Amino acid sequence: MLCICLGVCDSEENLPEVNPIIGEWKATEGNFLSLKVDGEEKSLEEFGVEVLRSNSTSAVAAAEDYLIYNFLGPIDLYEPQIMIAPQEMFSALVNGERVSGIWKLQNGRTVLHLNSLDLRENGYFYNVKNISANELELDWSWEMTYVGENSGVYKVQMTIKLTK
């Protein structure tokens, strides 16, 4: 009887570790996406006007297009839903359409790379700020430089918080 118990305990200890990134991720309650410019939180409209230099009537659309194409990709801007599977495959719902591709955790699991032929050739990269069984926090920061009238440099940071 003792041998059977030891055998069972030993087999439980040898179970493979499940990667916490595996699963279905959705927006956290409230605002899952935050944008900061030079350390100050900005709305899509403010980002469009101040950083992208759009007029106020087209600022939100300009910000949406810029973020979707350049940074978000398979992470929907308004209702993110992404399923990360164990075989390094993912599927996501973006603007009501299903996209799929491959994922990899790179650089010692500090960078998440999502690549889909349905979207952009080189894929999308995110710094992994936090990953646990129920929370995934990604970010990316970049500088935008303008030359000419009202030239300047903006330090932009985007943070994405998803939950299972």
N, C-alpha and C. Protein backbone atom coordinates (compact mmCIF):
# COMPACT_ATOMS: atom_id res chain seq x y z
N MET A 1 0.83 -1.18 0.00
CA MET A 1 0.00 0.00 0.00
C MET A 1 0.88 1.26 0.00
N LEU A 2 1.94 1.24 0.79
CA LEU A 2 2.85 2.37 0.87
C LEU A 2 3.51 2.63 -0.48
N CYS A 3 3.85 1.57 -1.20
CA CYS A 3 4.49 1.72 -2.51
C CYS A 3 3.54 2.40 -3.50
N ILE A 4 2.27 2.06 -3.46
CA ILE A 4 1.29 2.65 -4.36
C ILE A 4 1.17 4.14 -4.07
N CYS A 5 1.11 4.52 -2.81
CA CYS A 5 1.01 5.94 -2.45
C CYS A 5 2.25 6.70 -2.90
N LEU A 6 3.42 6.12 -2.70
CA LEU A 6 4.64 6.79 -3.12
C LEU A 6 4.67 6.93 -4.64
N GLY A 7 4.22 5.91 -5.33
CA GLY A 7 4.19 5.96 -6.79
C GLY A 7 3.25 7.04 -7.29
N VAL A 8 2.10 7.18 -6.67
CA VAL A 8 1.14 8.20 -7.05
C VAL A 8 1.70 9.58 -6.77
N CYS A 9 2.30 9.76 -5.61
CA CYS A 9 2.87 11.06 -5.26
C CYS A 9 3.99 11.43 -6.23
N ASP A 10 4.82 10.45 -6.56
CA ASP A 10 5.93 10.69 -7.46
C ASP A 10 5.42 11.10 -8.84
N SER A 11 4.35 10.45 -9.33
CA SER A 11 3.85 10.79 -10.67
C SER A 11 3.22 12.18 -10.69
N GLU A 12 2.62 12.62 -9.59
CA GLU A 12 2.06 13.96 -9.53
C GLU A 12 3.16 15.01 -9.57
N GLU A 13 4.28 14.72 -8.96
CA GLU A 13 5.39 15.66 -8.96
C GLU A 13 6.01 15.79 -10.34
N ASN A 14 5.86 14.79 -11.19
CA ASN A 14 6.45 14.80 -12.52
C ASN A 14 5.52 15.33 -13.60
N LEU A 15 4.39 15.90 -13.23
CA LEU A 15 3.49 16.48 -14.22
C LEU A 15 4.18 17.66 -14.89
N PRO A 16 4.00 17.80 -16.19
CA PRO A 16 4.65 18.93 -16.87
C PRO A 16 4.07 20.26 -16.40
N GLU A 17 4.93 21.25 -16.34
CA GLU A 17 4.50 22.59 -15.93
C GLU A 17 3.71 23.22 -17.07
N VAL A 18 2.57 23.82 -16.76
CA VAL A 18 1.75 24.46 -17.78
C VAL A 18 2.20 25.92 -17.89
N ASN A 19 2.45 26.34 -19.11
CA ASN A 19 2.85 27.71 -19.37
C ASN A 19 1.67 28.63 -19.06
N PRO A 20 1.84 29.63 -18.20
CA PRO A 20 0.72 30.48 -17.80
C PRO A 20 0.13 31.30 -18.95
N ILE A 21 0.84 31.43 -20.05
CA ILE A 21 0.31 32.22 -21.16
C ILE A 21 -0.76 31.46 -21.95
N ILE A 22 -0.81 30.15 -21.78
CA ILE A 22 -1.79 29.32 -22.49
C ILE A 22 -3.18 29.62 -21.95
N GLY A 23 -4.13 29.87 -22.86
CA GLY A 23 -5.51 30.11 -22.46
C GLY A 23 -6.16 31.21 -23.26
N GLU A 24 -7.38 31.55 -22.87
CA GLU A 24 -8.12 32.61 -23.55
C GLU A 24 -8.02 33.90 -22.74
N TRP A 25 -7.58 34.96 -23.39
CA TRP A 25 -7.36 36.24 -22.74
C TRP A 25 -8.36 37.26 -23.28
N LYS A 26 -8.90 38.07 -22.36
CA LYS A 26 -9.85 39.12 -22.71
C LYS A 26 -9.48 40.38 -21.96
N ALA A 27 -10.19 41.47 -22.28
CA ALA A 27 -9.93 42.75 -21.61
C ALA A 27 -10.24 42.66 -20.13
N THR A 28 -9.43 43.34 -19.34
CA THR A 28 -9.73 43.46 -17.92
C THR A 28 -10.92 44.40 -17.78
N GLU A 29 -11.54 44.37 -16.62
CA GLU A 29 -12.65 45.30 -16.38
C GLU A 29 -12.12 46.72 -16.48
N GLY A 30 -12.94 47.58 -17.02
CA GLY A 30 -12.50 48.96 -17.19
C GLY A 30 -11.68 49.09 -18.45
N ASN A 31 -10.74 49.99 -18.44
CA ASN A 31 -9.91 50.25 -19.62
C ASN A 31 -8.71 49.33 -19.64
N PHE A 32 -8.65 48.44 -20.61
CA PHE A 32 -7.54 47.48 -20.70
C PHE A 32 -6.31 48.10 -21.37
N LEU A 33 -6.49 49.21 -22.06
CA LEU A 33 -5.41 49.83 -22.81
C LEU A 33 -5.15 51.23 -22.26
N SER A 34 -3.90 51.52 -21.98
CA SER A 34 -3.57 52.89 -21.57
C SER A 34 -2.42 53.40 -22.44
N LEU A 35 -2.51 54.68 -22.74
CA LEU A 35 -1.48 55.37 -23.50
C LEU A 35 -0.93 56.50 -22.66
N LYS A 36 0.38 56.59 -22.61
CA LYS A 36 1.02 57.70 -21.92
C LYS A 36 1.96 58.39 -22.89
N VAL A 37 1.95 59.69 -22.85
CA VAL A 37 2.87 60.50 -23.64
C VAL A 37 3.66 61.35 -22.67
N ASP A 38 4.96 61.16 -22.70
CA ASP A 38 5.86 61.85 -21.76
C ASP A 38 5.39 61.66 -20.32
N GLY A 39 4.92 60.46 -20.01
CA GLY A 39 4.51 60.10 -18.66
C GLY A 39 3.09 60.49 -18.28
N GLU A 40 2.36 61.16 -19.16
CA GLU A 40 1.01 61.63 -18.87
C GLU A 40 -0.02 60.81 -19.65
N GLU A 41 -1.03 60.29 -18.95
CA GLU A 41 -2.09 59.49 -19.56
C GLU A 41 -2.85 60.31 -20.60
N LYS A 42 -3.10 59.70 -21.78
CA LYS A 42 -3.80 60.38 -22.87
C LYS A 42 -4.93 59.53 -23.39
N SER A 43 -6.02 60.17 -23.78
CA SER A 43 -7.12 59.48 -24.46
C SER A 43 -6.73 59.32 -25.93
N LEU A 44 -7.52 58.54 -26.68
CA LEU A 44 -7.25 58.39 -28.10
C LEU A 44 -7.32 59.74 -28.81
N GLU A 45 -8.30 60.56 -28.44
CA GLU A 45 -8.43 61.87 -29.08
C GLU A 45 -7.22 62.75 -28.77
N GLU A 46 -6.81 62.79 -27.52
CA GLU A 46 -5.64 63.59 -27.15
C GLU A 46 -4.39 63.10 -27.86
N PHE A 47 -4.23 61.79 -27.94
CA PHE A 47 -3.08 61.20 -28.64
C PHE A 47 -3.11 61.61 -30.11
N GLY A 48 -4.28 61.53 -30.74
CA GLY A 48 -4.40 61.90 -32.14
C GLY A 48 -4.09 63.35 -32.41
N VAL A 49 -4.57 64.23 -31.54
CA VAL A 49 -4.35 65.67 -31.72
C VAL A 49 -2.91 66.05 -31.39
N GLU A 50 -2.45 65.65 -30.19
CA GLU A 50 -1.15 66.12 -29.70
C GLU A 50 0.04 65.42 -30.35
N VAL A 51 -0.06 64.12 -30.56
CA VAL A 51 1.09 63.37 -31.05
C VAL A 51 1.02 63.15 -32.56
N LEU A 52 -0.14 62.73 -33.06
CA LEU A 52 -0.27 62.47 -34.49
C LEU A 52 -0.58 63.74 -35.29
N ARG A 53 -0.93 64.81 -34.56
CA ARG A 53 -1.19 66.12 -35.14
C ARG A 53 -2.37 66.11 -36.12
N SER A 54 -3.40 65.39 -35.75
CA SER A 54 -4.65 65.36 -36.50
C SER A 54 -5.56 66.45 -35.98
N ASN A 55 -6.57 66.83 -36.79
CA ASN A 55 -7.55 67.78 -36.27
C ASN A 55 -8.50 67.02 -35.35
N SER A 56 -9.23 67.73 -34.53
CA SER A 56 -10.04 67.08 -33.50
C SER A 56 -11.14 66.18 -34.07
N THR A 57 -11.62 66.45 -35.29
CA THR A 57 -12.68 65.61 -35.86
C THR A 57 -12.17 64.26 -36.34
N SER A 58 -10.90 64.19 -36.72
CA SER A 58 -10.36 62.91 -37.21
C SER A 58 -9.32 62.31 -36.26
N ALA A 59 -9.14 62.91 -35.08
CA ALA A 59 -8.08 62.48 -34.16
C ALA A 59 -8.26 61.05 -33.66
N VAL A 60 -9.49 60.67 -33.27
CA VAL A 60 -9.73 59.32 -32.75
C VAL A 60 -9.48 58.29 -33.85
N ALA A 61 -9.99 58.54 -35.06
CA ALA A 61 -9.78 57.61 -36.17
C ALA A 61 -8.30 57.48 -36.52
N ALA A 62 -7.58 58.59 -36.49
CA ALA A 62 -6.14 58.54 -36.77
C ALA A 62 -5.40 57.73 -35.71
N ALA A 63 -5.75 57.93 -34.44
CA ALA A 63 -5.12 57.19 -33.35
C ALA A 63 -5.45 55.70 -33.45
N GLU A 64 -6.71 55.38 -33.74
CA GLU A 64 -7.11 53.97 -33.89
C GLU A 64 -6.30 53.30 -35.00
N ASP A 65 -6.26 53.93 -36.18
CA ASP A 65 -5.53 53.35 -37.31
C ASP A 65 -4.05 53.17 -36.98
N TYR A 66 -3.46 54.18 -36.37
CA TYR A 66 -2.04 54.12 -36.04
C TYR A 66 -1.74 52.97 -35.07
N LEU A 67 -2.52 52.86 -34.01
CA LEU A 67 -2.27 51.82 -33.00
C LEU A 67 -2.58 50.43 -33.54
N ILE A 68 -3.69 50.29 -34.25
CA ILE A 68 -4.07 48.97 -34.79
C ILE A 68 -3.02 48.46 -35.75
N TYR A 69 -2.63 49.28 -36.70
CA TYR A 69 -1.69 48.81 -37.72
C TYR A 69 -0.28 48.61 -37.17
N ASN A 70 0.18 49.53 -36.33
CA ASN A 70 1.58 49.49 -35.89
C ASN A 70 1.84 48.67 -34.64
N PHE A 71 0.87 48.59 -33.72
CA PHE A 71 1.19 48.00 -32.42
C PHE A 71 0.23 46.92 -31.94
N LEU A 72 -1.04 47.05 -32.18
CA LEU A 72 -2.01 46.11 -31.61
C LEU A 72 -2.18 44.85 -32.45
N GLY A 73 -2.35 44.98 -33.74
CA GLY A 73 -2.48 43.82 -34.62
C GLY A 73 -3.57 42.87 -34.18
N PRO A 74 -3.21 41.70 -33.64
CA PRO A 74 -4.21 40.70 -33.26
C PRO A 74 -4.93 41.00 -31.94
N ILE A 75 -4.58 42.10 -31.30
CA ILE A 75 -5.27 42.49 -30.06
C ILE A 75 -6.25 43.60 -30.43
N ASP A 76 -7.53 43.26 -30.45
CA ASP A 76 -8.56 44.20 -30.86
C ASP A 76 -8.55 45.43 -29.95
N LEU A 77 -8.75 46.59 -30.54
CA LEU A 77 -8.68 47.84 -29.80
C LEU A 77 -9.81 48.01 -28.78
N TYR A 78 -10.97 47.42 -29.06
CA TYR A 78 -12.11 47.65 -28.18
C TYR A 78 -12.58 46.41 -27.43
N GLU A 79 -12.51 45.25 -28.01
CA GLU A 79 -12.93 44.02 -27.33
C GLU A 79 -11.92 42.90 -27.61
N PRO A 80 -10.75 42.98 -27.01
CA PRO A 80 -9.73 41.97 -27.29
C PRO A 80 -10.15 40.59 -26.80
N GLN A 81 -9.89 39.62 -27.65
CA GLN A 81 -10.15 38.22 -27.31
C GLN A 81 -9.12 37.41 -28.08
N ILE A 82 -8.18 36.82 -27.35
CA ILE A 82 -7.12 36.06 -27.99
C ILE A 82 -6.94 34.73 -27.27
N MET A 83 -6.90 33.65 -28.05
CA MET A 83 -6.72 32.30 -27.52
C MET A 83 -5.30 31.85 -27.87
N ILE A 84 -4.50 31.61 -26.84
CA ILE A 84 -3.12 31.16 -27.04
C ILE A 84 -3.07 29.67 -26.72
N ALA A 85 -2.72 28.88 -27.72
CA ALA A 85 -2.72 27.42 -27.62
C ALA A 85 -1.30 26.91 -27.33
N PRO A 86 -1.21 25.69 -26.77
CA PRO A 86 0.10 25.15 -26.38
C PRO A 86 1.05 24.91 -27.56
N GLN A 87 0.56 24.70 -28.75
CA GLN A 87 1.41 24.38 -29.90
C GLN A 87 1.97 25.62 -30.57
N GLU A 88 2.11 26.72 -29.83
CA GLU A 88 2.60 28.01 -30.32
C GLU A 88 1.72 28.55 -31.44
N MET A 89 0.41 28.28 -31.33
CA MET A 89 -0.58 28.83 -32.26
C MET A 89 -1.51 29.74 -31.46
N PHE A 90 -2.03 30.77 -32.13
CA PHE A 90 -3.03 31.62 -31.49
C PHE A 90 -4.13 31.92 -32.49
N SER A 91 -5.28 32.27 -31.95
CA SER A 91 -6.37 32.80 -32.77
C SER A 91 -6.96 33.98 -32.01
N ALA A 92 -7.44 34.95 -32.76
CA ALA A 92 -7.97 36.16 -32.14
C ALA A 92 -9.15 36.68 -32.95
N LEU A 93 -9.98 37.41 -32.30
CA LEU A 93 -11.11 38.07 -32.94
C LEU A 93 -10.75 39.55 -33.05
N VAL A 94 -10.63 40.04 -34.29
CA VAL A 94 -10.26 41.43 -34.54
C VAL A 94 -11.30 42.04 -35.46
N ASN A 95 -12.00 43.04 -34.97
CA ASN A 95 -13.08 43.69 -35.73
C ASN A 95 -14.09 42.67 -36.24
N GLY A 96 -14.39 41.67 -35.42
CA GLY A 96 -15.38 40.66 -35.76
C GLY A 96 -14.88 39.56 -36.69
N GLU A 97 -13.62 39.61 -37.09
CA GLU A 97 -13.05 38.60 -37.97
C GLU A 97 -12.01 37.78 -37.23
N ARG A 98 -11.98 36.48 -37.50
CA ARG A 98 -11.03 35.57 -36.86
C ARG A 98 -9.71 35.62 -37.61
N VAL A 99 -8.62 35.86 -36.87
CA VAL A 99 -7.27 35.78 -37.42
C VAL A 99 -6.51 34.73 -36.62
N SER A 100 -5.51 34.14 -37.23
CA SER A 100 -4.72 33.14 -36.52
C SER A 100 -3.25 33.30 -36.90
N GLY A 101 -2.40 32.68 -36.11
CA GLY A 101 -0.97 32.78 -36.37
C GLY A 101 -0.17 32.02 -35.34
N ILE A 102 1.08 32.38 -35.22
CA ILE A 102 1.98 31.72 -34.28
C ILE A 102 2.43 32.72 -33.21
N TRP A 103 2.75 32.19 -32.04
CA TRP A 103 3.26 33.02 -30.95
C TRP A 103 4.55 32.42 -30.44
N LYS A 104 5.39 33.26 -29.88
CA LYS A 104 6.62 32.81 -29.24
C LYS A 104 6.94 33.76 -28.09
N LEU A 105 7.39 33.20 -26.99
CA LEU A 105 7.98 34.01 -25.92
C LEU A 105 9.48 34.02 -26.18
N GLN A 106 10.05 35.21 -26.29
CA GLN A 106 11.45 35.35 -26.66
C GLN A 106 12.21 36.12 -25.58
N ASN A 107 13.50 36.20 -25.75
CA ASN A 107 14.39 36.95 -24.84
C ASN A 107 14.15 36.57 -23.38
N GLY A 108 14.27 35.30 -23.07
CA GLY A 108 14.08 34.84 -21.70
C GLY A 108 12.66 35.06 -21.21
N ARG A 109 11.69 34.90 -22.08
CA ARG A 109 10.26 35.03 -21.79
C ARG A 109 9.87 36.47 -21.42
N THR A 110 10.62 37.46 -21.91
CA THR A 110 10.29 38.85 -21.62
C THR A 110 9.61 39.56 -22.80
N VAL A 111 9.58 38.90 -23.96
CA VAL A 111 8.96 39.48 -25.15
C VAL A 111 8.00 38.46 -25.76
N LEU A 112 6.78 38.90 -26.03
CA LEU A 112 5.78 38.08 -26.71
C LEU A 112 5.73 38.53 -28.16
N HIS A 113 5.93 37.57 -29.08
CA HIS A 113 5.88 37.85 -30.51
C HIS A 113 4.65 37.14 -31.08
N LEU A 114 3.73 37.92 -31.65
CA LEU A 114 2.55 37.38 -32.31
C LEU A 114 2.68 37.66 -33.79
N ASN A 115 2.61 36.61 -34.61
CA ASN A 115 2.78 36.76 -36.05
C ASN A 115 1.62 36.08 -36.76
N SER A 116 0.99 36.81 -37.68
CA SER A 116 -0.14 36.28 -38.42
C SER A 116 -0.05 36.73 -39.87
N LEU A 117 -0.22 35.79 -40.79
CA LEU A 117 -0.24 36.15 -42.20
C LEU A 117 -1.46 37.00 -42.53
N ASP A 118 -2.48 36.94 -41.67
CA ASP A 118 -3.69 37.75 -41.87
C ASP A 118 -3.44 39.22 -41.58
N LEU A 119 -2.34 39.54 -40.92
CA LEU A 119 -2.09 40.91 -40.49
C LEU A 119 -0.81 41.44 -41.10
N ARG A 120 0.22 41.56 -40.32
CA ARG A 120 1.46 42.19 -40.75
C ARG A 120 2.57 41.16 -40.87
N GLU A 121 3.39 41.30 -41.89
CA GLU A 121 4.41 40.29 -42.20
C GLU A 121 5.37 39.98 -41.05
N ASN A 122 5.90 41.00 -40.37
CA ASN A 122 6.87 40.78 -39.30
C ASN A 122 6.24 40.49 -37.96
N GLY A 123 4.96 40.66 -37.85
CA GLY A 123 4.28 40.40 -36.59
C GLY A 123 4.34 41.58 -35.64
N TYR A 124 3.92 41.30 -34.41
CA TYR A 124 3.82 42.31 -33.37
C TYR A 124 4.58 41.84 -32.15
N PHE A 125 5.30 42.75 -31.53
CA PHE A 125 6.12 42.44 -30.37
C PHE A 125 5.62 43.23 -29.17
N TYR A 126 5.61 42.57 -28.01
CA TYR A 126 5.17 43.20 -26.76
C TYR A 126 6.13 42.81 -25.66
N ASN A 127 6.50 43.75 -24.82
CA ASN A 127 7.25 43.42 -23.60
C ASN A 127 6.27 42.80 -22.61
N VAL A 128 6.68 41.73 -21.97
CA VAL A 128 5.86 41.07 -20.97
C VAL A 128 6.21 41.68 -19.62
N LYS A 129 5.31 42.52 -19.10
CA LYS A 129 5.53 43.14 -17.79
C LYS A 129 5.15 42.20 -16.67
N ASN A 130 4.05 41.44 -16.87
CA ASN A 130 3.57 40.52 -15.85
C ASN A 130 2.81 39.40 -16.54
N ILE A 131 3.07 38.19 -16.07
CA ILE A 131 2.32 37.05 -16.56
C ILE A 131 2.09 36.11 -15.38
N SER A 132 0.82 35.80 -15.15
CA SER A 132 0.46 34.87 -14.09
C SER A 132 -0.65 33.97 -14.63
N ALA A 133 -1.19 33.13 -13.78
CA ALA A 133 -2.24 32.21 -14.21
C ALA A 133 -3.47 32.95 -14.72
N ASN A 134 -3.74 34.17 -14.23
CA ASN A 134 -4.96 34.88 -14.60
C ASN A 134 -4.74 36.29 -15.13
N GLU A 135 -3.50 36.76 -15.21
CA GLU A 135 -3.27 38.13 -15.65
C GLU A 135 -2.08 38.19 -16.61
N LEU A 136 -2.27 38.96 -17.67
CA LEU A 136 -1.21 39.18 -18.65
C LEU A 136 -1.12 40.68 -18.88
N GLU A 137 0.04 41.25 -18.59
CA GLU A 137 0.25 42.68 -18.81
C GLU A 137 1.40 42.85 -19.78
N LEU A 138 1.09 43.54 -20.88
CA LEU A 138 2.06 43.77 -21.95
C LEU A 138 2.28 45.26 -22.09
N ASP A 139 3.46 45.64 -22.57
CA ASP A 139 3.66 47.05 -22.87
C ASP A 139 4.64 47.19 -24.01
N TRP A 140 4.68 48.38 -24.53
CA TRP A 140 5.62 48.75 -25.57
C TRP A 140 5.82 50.24 -25.48
N SER A 141 7.03 50.70 -25.66
CA SER A 141 7.28 52.14 -25.65
C SER A 141 8.14 52.50 -26.86
N TRP A 142 7.96 53.72 -27.31
CA TRP A 142 8.68 54.18 -28.48
C TRP A 142 8.76 55.71 -28.45
N GLU A 143 9.65 56.25 -29.28
CA GLU A 143 9.78 57.69 -29.41
C GLU A 143 9.30 58.11 -30.78
N MET A 144 8.59 59.22 -30.80
CA MET A 144 8.15 59.81 -32.07
C MET A 144 8.80 61.18 -32.17
N THR A 145 9.49 61.42 -33.27
CA THR A 145 10.20 62.67 -33.48
C THR A 145 9.58 63.43 -34.64
N TYR A 146 9.33 64.70 -34.43
CA TYR A 146 8.83 65.58 -35.49
C TYR A 146 9.86 66.65 -35.76
N VAL A 147 10.11 66.88 -37.06
CA VAL A 147 11.06 67.91 -37.48
C VAL A 147 10.27 68.97 -38.24
N GLY A 148 10.63 70.20 -38.05
CA GLY A 148 9.95 71.30 -38.72
C GLY A 148 9.26 72.17 -37.70
N GLU A 149 8.19 72.84 -38.16
CA GLU A 149 7.44 73.71 -37.26
C GLU A 149 6.88 72.90 -36.11
N ASN A 150 7.05 73.41 -34.89
CA ASN A 150 6.62 72.71 -33.68
C ASN A 150 7.29 71.35 -33.54
N SER A 151 8.58 71.28 -33.89
CA SER A 151 9.29 70.00 -33.79
C SER A 151 9.38 69.56 -32.34
N GLY A 152 9.56 68.27 -32.15
CA GLY A 152 9.66 67.74 -30.80
C GLY A 152 9.79 66.24 -30.79
N VAL A 153 10.07 65.72 -29.63
CA VAL A 153 10.19 64.27 -29.43
C VAL A 153 9.18 63.87 -28.37
N TYR A 154 8.40 62.86 -28.66
CA TYR A 154 7.42 62.34 -27.71
C TYR A 154 7.82 60.93 -27.31
N LYS A 155 7.82 60.68 -26.02
CA LYS A 155 8.05 59.34 -25.48
C LYS A 155 6.68 58.74 -25.22
N VAL A 156 6.31 57.70 -25.98
CA VAL A 156 4.98 57.11 -25.91
C VAL A 156 5.09 55.73 -25.27
N GLN A 157 4.16 55.41 -24.37
CA GLN A 157 4.11 54.09 -23.75
C GLN A 157 2.68 53.58 -23.81
N MET A 158 2.54 52.35 -24.28
CA MET A 158 1.25 51.69 -24.37
C MET A 158 1.28 50.48 -23.42
N THR A 159 0.24 50.32 -22.61
CA THR A 159 0.12 49.19 -21.71
C THR A 159 -1.19 48.48 -21.97
N ILE A 160 -1.15 47.15 -22.05
CA ILE A 160 -2.32 46.31 -22.32
C ILE A 160 -2.47 45.35 -21.16
N LYS A 161 -3.65 45.30 -20.54
CA LYS A 161 -3.91 44.36 -19.43
C LYS A 161 -5.04 43.43 -19.84
N LEU A 162 -4.74 42.13 -19.83
CA LEU A 162 -5.72 41.09 -20.18
C LEU A 162 -5.87 40.11 -19.04
N THR A 163 -7.03 39.46 -18.96
CA THR A 163 -7.27 38.45 -17.95
C THR A 163 -7.88 37.20 -18.58
N LYS A 164 -7.77 36.08 -17.85
CA LYS A 164 -8.41 34.83 -18.31
C LYS A 164 -9.80 34.76 -17.75
